[in-house]
Amino acid sequence: MIESLGFFGDAAVVSQSTQGSKSRRSIRDAEKTKQHILDAAEIEFAKHGLKGARTDRISKTAGVASRMIYYYFESKEGLYQTVLQRSATGIQNAIASIDLENVSPDRALAEVIRAAIIYEMQYRHRGMLLFQEANQNQGKYFTNMNWQPAIDLLTNILDRGVKTQVFRPLDSYMTTLNIIGVCVFYGNAHENLKHITPKKNLLSEESIEQYVRSTIELVLNGVKNSLI
């Protein structure tokens, strides 16, 4: 009897372990499916905006059944908002890895510009998402995105630079908007720019690095205190 109980006890442990493995695998599969849907939706929304995007195209690109979109995100609108928020979270995470507190304001600004441009070039569809949101929805869903930390980060660097006289007196908010504009322009305008210089690969590592350096130089020359 004891041996029998031992056998069934071991079997129960094995069964629980198997169920646990299946559960973990199920979670991984679910996250993978959601990621595929988000990636496909990002491209679709960037091209067509919320109004023109089609869930059947998204599901086909993602390689999933259309019902999975509604299972995970409830609606096309819910999916759209998740995609938008992902773009805001992504750039903030990219910048968060940089040590900005222990470097000079000009070095901090240069590092943020570099990180922002590299991020935009890695995820070029995300900039177009914001243009579509502004054009189609007049920022209706943008208000639900938490962009304030990214804005505050730049304005704080600029304010610190002005306070320490590394930067000239300036309007930190308006300057932040200018910096954001120059950081996103290159990636967002590529489909037009490539026709101006067809022989130059604007997406090559060399070209992107050249743009990063010239942007940093342009911005720093504009904000630095010439009296120092």
C-alpha atoms as a PDB file:
ATOM      1  CA  MET A   1       0.000   0.000   0.000  1.00  0.00           C
ATOM      2  CA  ILE A   2       2.805   2.401   0.908  1.00  0.00           C
ATOM      3  CA  GLU A   3       4.575   1.691  -2.362  1.00  0.00           C
ATOM      4  CA  SER A   4       1.304   2.207  -4.191  1.00  0.00           C
ATOM      5  CA  LEU A   5       0.784   5.577  -2.524  1.00  0.00           C
ATOM      6  CA  GLY A   6       4.346   6.503  -3.373  1.00  0.00           C
ATOM      7  CA  PHE A   7       3.755   5.674  -6.992  1.00  0.00           C
ATOM      8  CA  PHE A   8       0.586   7.740  -7.194  1.00  0.00           C
ATOM      9  CA  GLY A   9       2.261  10.546  -5.265  1.00  0.00           C
ATOM     10  CA  ASP A  10       5.089  10.649  -7.787  1.00  0.00           C
ATOM     11  CA  ALA A  11       2.557  10.553 -10.600  1.00  0.00           C
ATOM     12  CA  ALA A  12       0.736  13.520  -9.084  1.00  0.00           C
ATOM     13  CA  VAL A  13       3.970  15.495  -8.863  1.00  0.00           C
ATOM     14  CA  VAL A  14       4.776  14.677 -12.490  1.00  0.00           C
ATOM     15  CA  SER A  15       1.246  15.674 -13.499  1.00  0.00           C
ATOM     16  CA  GLN A  16       1.520  19.014 -11.681  1.00  0.00           C
ATOM     17  CA  SER A  17       4.931  19.636 -13.232  1.00  0.00           C
ATOM     18  CA  THR A  18       3.561  18.871 -16.695  1.00  0.00           C
ATOM     19  CA  GLN A  19       0.614  21.183 -16.134  1.00  0.00           C
ATOM     20  CA  GLY A  20       2.982  23.913 -14.953  1.00  0.00           C
ATOM     21  CA  SER A  21       5.126  23.534 -18.069  1.00  0.00           C
ATOM     22  CA  LYS A  22       2.053  23.673 -20.288  1.00  0.00           C
ATOM     23  CA  SER A  23       0.843  26.775 -18.468  1.00  0.00           C
ATOM     24  CA  ARG A  24       4.183  28.560 -18.905  1.00  0.00           C
ATOM     25  CA  ARG A  25       4.316  27.544 -22.561  1.00  0.00           C
ATOM     26  CA  SER A  26       0.760  28.805 -23.030  1.00  0.00           C
ATOM     27  CA  ILE A  27       1.714  32.179 -21.538  1.00  0.00           C
ATOM     28  CA  ARG A  28       4.776  32.411 -23.792  1.00  0.00           C
ATOM     29  CA  ASP A  29       2.676  31.527 -26.831  1.00  0.00           C
ATOM     30  CA  ALA A  30       0.086  34.146 -25.893  1.00  0.00           C
ATOM     31  CA  GLU A  31       2.730  36.846 -25.513  1.00  0.00           C
ATOM     32  CA  LYS A  32       4.287  35.836 -28.825  1.00  0.00           C
ATOM     33  CA  THR A  33       0.906  36.032 -30.548  1.00  0.00           C
ATOM     34  CA  LYS A  34       0.208  39.459 -29.064  1.00  0.00           C
ATOM     35  CA  GLN A  35       3.629  40.652 -30.194  1.00  0.00           C
ATOM     36  CA  HIS A  36       2.980  39.474 -33.762  1.00  0.00           C
ATOM     37  CA  ILE A  37      -0.360  41.279 -33.764  1.00  0.00           C
ATOM     38  CA  LEU A  38       1.161  44.502 -32.415  1.00  0.00           C
ATOM     39  CA  ASP A  39       3.992  44.445 -34.958  1.00  0.00           C
ATOM     40  CA  ALA A  40       1.568  43.918 -37.842  1.00  0.00           C
ATOM     41  CA  ALA A  41      -0.843  46.528 -36.502  1.00  0.00           C
ATOM     42  CA  GLU A  42       1.935  49.086 -36.163  1.00  0.00           C
ATOM     43  CA  ILE A  43       2.674  48.864 -39.885  1.00  0.00           C
ATOM     44  CA  GLU A  44      -1.013  48.918 -40.833  1.00  0.00           C
ATOM     45  CA  PHE A  45      -1.873  51.910 -38.635  1.00  0.00           C
ATOM     46  CA  ALA A  46       1.237  53.786 -39.777  1.00  0.00           C
ATOM     47  CA  LYS A  47       0.172  53.380 -43.399  1.00  0.00           C
ATOM     48  CA  HIS A  48      -3.571  53.889 -43.073  1.00  0.00           C
ATOM     49  CA  GLY A  49      -4.303  55.381 -39.668  1.00  0.00           C
ATOM     50  CA  LEU A  50      -7.083  54.133 -37.413  1.00  0.00           C
ATOM     51  CA  LYS A  51      -9.853  54.838 -39.911  1.00  0.00           C
ATOM     52  CA  GLY A  52      -8.238  53.178 -42.909  1.00  0.00           C
ATOM     53  CA  ALA A  53      -6.640  50.206 -41.154  1.00  0.00           C
ATOM     54  CA  ARG A  54      -8.241  46.787 -41.597  1.00  0.00           C
ATOM     55  CA  THR A  55      -8.132  44.017 -39.044  1.00  0.00           C
ATOM     56  CA  ASP A  56      -8.173  41.341 -41.751  1.00  0.00           C
ATOM     57  CA  ARG A  57      -4.912  42.709 -43.168  1.00  0.00           C
ATOM     58  CA  ILE A  58      -3.437  42.886 -39.670  1.00  0.00           C
ATOM     59  CA  SER A  59      -4.363  39.287 -38.880  1.00  0.00           C
ATOM     60  CA  LYS A  60      -3.022  38.089 -42.232  1.00  0.00           C
ATOM     61  CA  THR A  61       0.314  39.861 -41.719  1.00  0.00           C
ATOM     62  CA  ALA A  62       0.526  38.575 -38.140  1.00  0.00           C
ATOM     63  CA  GLY A  63      -0.353  35.051 -39.243  1.00  0.00           C
ATOM     64  CA  VAL A  64      -3.220  34.715 -36.768  1.00  0.00           C
ATOM     65  CA  ALA A  65      -6.991  34.391 -36.921  1.00  0.00           C
ATOM     66  CA  SER A  66      -8.893  37.700 -36.816  1.00  0.00           C
ATOM     67  CA  ARG A  67     -10.703  36.635 -33.651  1.00  0.00           C
ATOM     68  CA  MET A  68      -7.389  36.729 -31.765  1.00  0.00           C
ATOM     69  CA  ILE A  69      -7.252  40.511 -32.239  1.00  0.00           C
ATOM     70  CA  TYR A  70     -10.569  40.883 -30.451  1.00  0.00           C
ATOM     71  CA  TYR A  71      -9.638  38.284 -27.849  1.00  0.00           C
ATOM     72  CA  TYR A  72      -6.521  40.172 -26.758  1.00  0.00           C
ATOM     73  CA  PHE A  73      -7.451  43.792 -27.533  1.00  0.00           C
ATOM     74  CA  GLU A  74     -11.286  43.748 -27.626  1.00  0.00           C
ATOM     75  CA  SER A  75     -11.558  46.065 -30.646  1.00  0.00           C
ATOM     76  CA  LYS A  76      -9.610  47.736 -33.429  1.00  0.00           C
ATOM     77  CA  GLU A  77      -9.636  50.898 -31.333  1.00  0.00           C
ATOM     78  CA  GLY A  78      -8.228  49.033 -28.347  1.00  0.00           C
ATOM     79  CA  LEU A  79      -5.461  47.606 -30.516  1.00  0.00           C
ATOM     80  CA  TYR A  80      -4.712  51.065 -31.905  1.00  0.00           C
ATOM     81  CA  GLN A  81      -4.355  52.582 -28.453  1.00  0.00           C
ATOM     82  CA  THR A  82      -2.039  49.777 -27.353  1.00  0.00           C
ATOM     83  CA  VAL A  83       0.139  50.312 -30.423  1.00  0.00           C
ATOM     84  CA  LEU A  84       0.298  54.046 -29.751  1.00  0.00           C
ATOM     85  CA  GLN A  85       1.242  53.557 -26.118  1.00  0.00           C
ATOM     86  CA  ARG A  86       3.948  51.086 -27.118  1.00  0.00           C
ATOM     87  CA  SER A  87       5.630  53.810 -29.171  1.00  0.00           C
ATOM     88  CA  ALA A  88       5.681  56.173 -26.185  1.00  0.00           C
ATOM     89  CA  THR A  89       6.980  53.502 -23.819  1.00  0.00           C
ATOM     90  CA  GLY A  90       9.625  52.363 -26.294  1.00  0.00           C
ATOM     91  CA  ILE A  91      11.406  55.691 -26.676  1.00  0.00           C
ATOM     92  CA  GLN A  92      11.279  56.318 -22.926  1.00  0.00           C
ATOM     93  CA  ASN A  93      12.854  52.931 -22.232  1.00  0.00           C
ATOM     94  CA  ALA A  94      15.578  53.634 -24.788  1.00  0.00           C
ATOM     95  CA  ILE A  95      16.480  56.891 -23.062  1.00  0.00           C
ATOM     96  CA  ALA A  96      16.091  55.526 -19.532  1.00  0.00           C
ATOM     97  CA  SER A  97      19.167  53.328 -19.979  1.00  0.00           C
ATOM     98  CA  ILE A  98      21.399  56.408 -20.339  1.00  0.00           C
ATOM     99  CA  ASP A  99      23.121  57.924 -17.298  1.00  0.00           C
ATOM    100  CA  LEU A 100      22.129  61.570 -17.651  1.00  0.00           C
ATOM    101  CA  GLU A 101      22.576  62.775 -14.085  1.00  0.00           C
ATOM    102  CA  ASN A 102      26.339  62.339 -13.844  1.00  0.00           C
ATOM    103  CA  VAL A 103      27.322  64.050 -17.086  1.00  0.00           C
ATOM    104  CA  SER A 104      27.359  67.662 -18.214  1.00  0.00           C
ATOM    105  CA  PRO A 105      24.165  69.110 -19.760  1.00  0.00           C
ATOM    106  CA  ASP A 106      25.682  69.259 -23.244  1.00  0.00           C
ATOM    107  CA  ARG A 107      26.842  65.636 -23.024  1.00  0.00           C
ATOM    108  CA  ALA A 108      23.428  64.578 -21.715  1.00  0.00           C
ATOM    109  CA  LEU A 109      21.669  66.388 -24.551  1.00  0.00           C
ATOM    110  CA  ALA A 110      23.949  64.786 -27.122  1.00  0.00           C
ATOM    111  CA  GLU A 111      23.285  61.310 -25.701  1.00  0.00           C
ATOM    112  CA  VAL A 112      19.511  61.823 -25.773  1.00  0.00           C
ATOM    113  CA  ILE A 113      19.619  63.051 -29.371  1.00  0.00           C
ATOM    114  CA  ARG A 114      21.679  60.042 -30.415  1.00  0.00           C
ATOM    115  CA  ALA A 115      19.377  57.589 -28.634  1.00  0.00           C
ATOM    116  CA  ALA A 116      16.253  59.243 -30.057  1.00  0.00           C
ATOM    117  CA  ILE A 117      17.442  59.179 -33.670  1.00  0.00           C
ATOM    118  CA  ILE A 118      18.703  55.601 -33.451  1.00  0.00           C
ATOM    119  CA  TYR A 119      15.379  54.560 -31.951  1.00  0.00           C
ATOM    120  CA  GLU A 120      13.407  56.360 -34.659  1.00  0.00           C
ATOM    121  CA  MET A 121      15.440  54.657 -37.359  1.00  0.00           C
ATOM    122  CA  GLN A 122      14.922  51.236 -35.787  1.00  0.00           C
ATOM    123  CA  TYR A 123      11.159  51.788 -35.552  1.00  0.00           C
ATOM    124  CA  ARG A 124      10.393  54.087 -38.448  1.00  0.00           C
ATOM    125  CA  HIS A 125       6.688  53.229 -38.505  1.00  0.00           C
ATOM    126  CA  ARG A 126       6.183  54.676 -35.027  1.00  0.00           C
ATOM    127  CA  GLY A 127       6.818  58.235 -36.116  1.00  0.00           C
ATOM    128  CA  MET A 128       4.225  57.868 -38.864  1.00  0.00           C
ATOM    129  CA  LEU A 129       1.733  56.638 -36.275  1.00  0.00           C
ATOM    130  CA  LEU A 130       1.839  60.018 -34.583  1.00  0.00           C
ATOM    131  CA  PHE A 131       1.376  61.865 -37.876  1.00  0.00           C
ATOM    132  CA  GLN A 132      -1.640  59.696 -38.667  1.00  0.00           C
ATOM    133  CA  GLU A 133      -3.038  60.313 -35.189  1.00  0.00           C
ATOM    134  CA  ALA A 134      -2.679  64.076 -35.586  1.00  0.00           C
ATOM    135  CA  ASN A 135      -4.095  64.090 -39.115  1.00  0.00           C
ATOM    136  CA  GLN A 136      -7.032  61.710 -38.688  1.00  0.00           C
ATOM    137  CA  ASN A 137      -7.972  62.086 -35.044  1.00  0.00           C
ATOM    138  CA  GLN A 138      -6.612  65.520 -34.096  1.00  0.00           C
ATOM    139  CA  GLY A 139      -4.768  63.931 -31.178  1.00  0.00           C
ATOM    140  CA  LYS A 140      -7.851  62.327 -29.611  1.00  0.00           C
ATOM    141  CA  TYR A 141      -5.923  59.218 -28.564  1.00  0.00           C
ATOM    142  CA  PHE A 142      -2.600  60.990 -28.145  1.00  0.00           C
ATOM    143  CA  THR A 143      -3.933  62.554 -24.940  1.00  0.00           C
ATOM    144  CA  ASN A 144      -4.086  59.079 -23.381  1.00  0.00           C
ATOM    145  CA  MET A 145      -0.404  58.450 -24.046  1.00  0.00           C
ATOM    146  CA  ASN A 146       2.127  59.321 -21.375  1.00  0.00           C
ATOM    147  CA  TRP A 147       4.618  61.436 -23.303  1.00  0.00           C
ATOM    148  CA  GLN A 148       5.206  63.858 -20.437  1.00  0.00           C
ATOM    149  CA  PRO A 149       8.273  62.052 -19.001  1.00  0.00           C
ATOM    150  CA  ALA A 150      10.105  62.354 -22.337  1.00  0.00           C
ATOM    151  CA  ILE A 151       9.224  66.049 -22.592  1.00  0.00           C
ATOM    152  CA  ASP A 152      10.253  66.679 -18.988  1.00  0.00           C
ATOM    153  CA  LEU A 153      13.550  64.871 -19.481  1.00  0.00           C
ATOM    154  CA  LEU A 154      14.595  67.190 -22.300  1.00  0.00           C
ATOM    155  CA  THR A 155      13.343  70.374 -20.660  1.00  0.00           C
ATOM    156  CA  ASN A 156      15.157  69.447 -17.432  1.00  0.00           C
ATOM    157  CA  ILE A 157      18.438  68.972 -19.306  1.00  0.00           C
ATOM    158  CA  LEU A 158      17.998  72.334 -21.005  1.00  0.00           C
ATOM    159  CA  ASP A 159      17.043  74.069 -17.747  1.00  0.00           C
ATOM    160  CA  ARG A 160      20.095  72.565 -16.033  1.00  0.00           C
ATOM    161  CA  GLY A 161      22.274  73.791 -18.867  1.00  0.00           C
ATOM    162  CA  VAL A 162      20.887  77.310 -18.618  1.00  0.00           C
ATOM    163  CA  LYS A 163      21.264  77.318 -14.825  1.00  0.00           C
ATOM    164  CA  THR A 164      24.916  76.277 -15.047  1.00  0.00           C
ATOM    165  CA  GLN A 165      25.476  78.715 -17.945  1.00  0.00           C
ATOM    166  CA  VAL A 166      26.530  75.909 -20.269  1.00  0.00           C
ATOM    167  CA  PHE A 167      23.531  76.864 -22.409  1.00  0.00           C
ATOM    168  CA  ARG A 168      22.413  80.356 -23.313  1.00  0.00           C
ATOM    169  CA  PRO A 169      19.065  81.661 -21.997  1.00  0.00           C
ATOM    170  CA  LEU A 170      16.288  79.915 -23.934  1.00  0.00           C
ATOM    171  CA  ASP A 171      12.710  78.695 -23.802  1.00  0.00           C
ATOM    172  CA  SER A 172      13.238  75.081 -22.770  1.00  0.00           C
ATOM    173  CA  TYR A 173       9.813  73.881 -23.922  1.00  0.00           C
ATOM    174  CA  MET A 174       9.977  75.400 -27.408  1.00  0.00           C
ATOM    175  CA  THR A 175      13.568  74.217 -27.774  1.00  0.00           C
ATOM    176  CA  THR A 176      12.477  70.713 -26.782  1.00  0.00           C
ATOM    177  CA  LEU A 177       9.865  70.734 -29.559  1.00  0.00           C
ATOM    178  CA  ASN A 178      12.532  71.803 -32.059  1.00  0.00           C
ATOM    179  CA  ILE A 179      14.851  69.015 -30.935  1.00  0.00           C
ATOM    180  CA  ILE A 180      12.101  66.399 -31.210  1.00  0.00           C
ATOM    181  CA  GLY A 181      11.308  67.646 -34.700  1.00  0.00           C
ATOM    182  CA  VAL A 182      14.848  67.295 -35.996  1.00  0.00           C
ATOM    183  CA  CYS A 183      15.207  63.857 -34.371  1.00  0.00           C
ATOM    184  CA  VAL A 184      12.129  62.364 -36.052  1.00  0.00           C
ATOM    185  CA  PHE A 185      12.360  64.105 -39.436  1.00  0.00           C
ATOM    186  CA  TYR A 186      15.026  61.919 -41.023  1.00  0.00           C
ATOM    187  CA  GLY A 187      13.187  58.646 -40.530  1.00  0.00           C
ATOM    188  CA  ASN A 188       9.706  59.978 -41.234  1.00  0.00           C
ATOM    189  CA  ALA A 189      10.700  61.782 -44.422  1.00  0.00           C
ATOM    190  CA  HIS A 190      12.861  59.002 -45.835  1.00  0.00           C
ATOM    191  CA  GLU A 191      10.345  57.858 -48.456  1.00  0.00           C
ATOM    192  CA  ASN A 192      10.492  61.365 -49.952  1.00  0.00           C
ATOM    193  CA  LEU A 193      14.160  62.090 -49.330  1.00  0.00           C
ATOM    194  CA  LYS A 194      15.327  58.929 -51.085  1.00  0.00           C
ATOM    195  CA  HIS A 195      14.141  60.367 -54.414  1.00  0.00           C
ATOM    196  CA  ILE A 196      16.222  63.523 -53.945  1.00  0.00           C
ATOM    197  CA  THR A 197      19.463  61.571 -53.554  1.00  0.00           C
ATOM    198  CA  PRO A 198      18.701  58.185 -55.190  1.00  0.00           C
ATOM    199  CA  LYS A 199      22.355  57.154 -55.293  1.00  0.00           C
ATOM    200  CA  LYS A 200      22.819  57.619 -51.546  1.00  0.00           C
ATOM    201  CA  ASN A 201      21.537  54.969 -49.154  1.00  0.00           C
ATOM    202  CA  LEU A 202      20.055  57.107 -46.398  1.00  0.00           C
ATOM    203  CA  LEU A 203      19.337  54.045 -44.271  1.00  0.00           C
ATOM    204  CA  SER A 204      22.917  52.774 -44.190  1.00  0.00           C
ATOM    205  CA  GLU A 205      24.747  52.809 -40.860  1.00  0.00           C
ATOM    206  CA  GLU A 206      27.157  55.385 -42.265  1.00  0.00           C
ATOM    207  CA  SER A 207      24.379  57.765 -43.347  1.00  0.00           C
ATOM    208  CA  ILE A 208      22.491  57.436 -40.071  1.00  0.00           C
ATOM    209  CA  GLU A 209      25.652  58.081 -38.061  1.00  0.00           C
ATOM    210  CA  GLN A 210      26.356  61.111 -40.224  1.00  0.00           C
ATOM    211  CA  TYR A 211      22.871  62.443 -39.528  1.00  0.00           C
ATOM    212  CA  VAL A 212      23.244  61.795 -35.793  1.00  0.00           C
ATOM    213  CA  ARG A 213      26.515  63.715 -35.608  1.00  0.00           C
ATOM    214  CA  SER A 214      25.310  66.626 -37.722  1.00  0.00           C
ATOM    215  CA  THR A 215      22.123  66.895 -35.641  1.00  0.00           C
ATOM    216  CA  ILE A 216      24.059  66.926 -32.376  1.00  0.00           C
ATOM    217  CA  GLU A 217      26.380  69.587 -33.778  1.00  0.00           C
ATOM    218  CA  LEU A 218      23.459  71.679 -35.032  1.00  0.00           C
ATOM    219  CA  VAL A 219      21.554  71.551 -31.738  1.00  0.00           C
ATOM    220  CA  LEU A 220      24.552  72.138 -29.484  1.00  0.00           C
ATOM    221  CA  ASN A 221      25.733  75.069 -31.572  1.00  0.00           C
ATOM    222  CA  GLY A 222      22.252  76.517 -31.191  1.00  0.00           C
ATOM    223  CA  VAL A 223      21.915  76.157 -27.422  1.00  0.00           C
ATOM    224  CA  LYS A 224      25.460  76.560 -26.102  1.00  0.00           C
ATOM    225  CA  ASN A 225      26.491  79.732 -24.355  1.00  0.00           C
ATOM    226  CA  SER A 226      28.890  81.488 -26.731  1.00  0.00           C
ATOM    227  CA  LEU A 227      30.336  83.530 -23.859  1.00  0.00           C
ATOM    228  CA  ILE A 228      32.000  80.485 -22.307  1.00  0.00           C
END
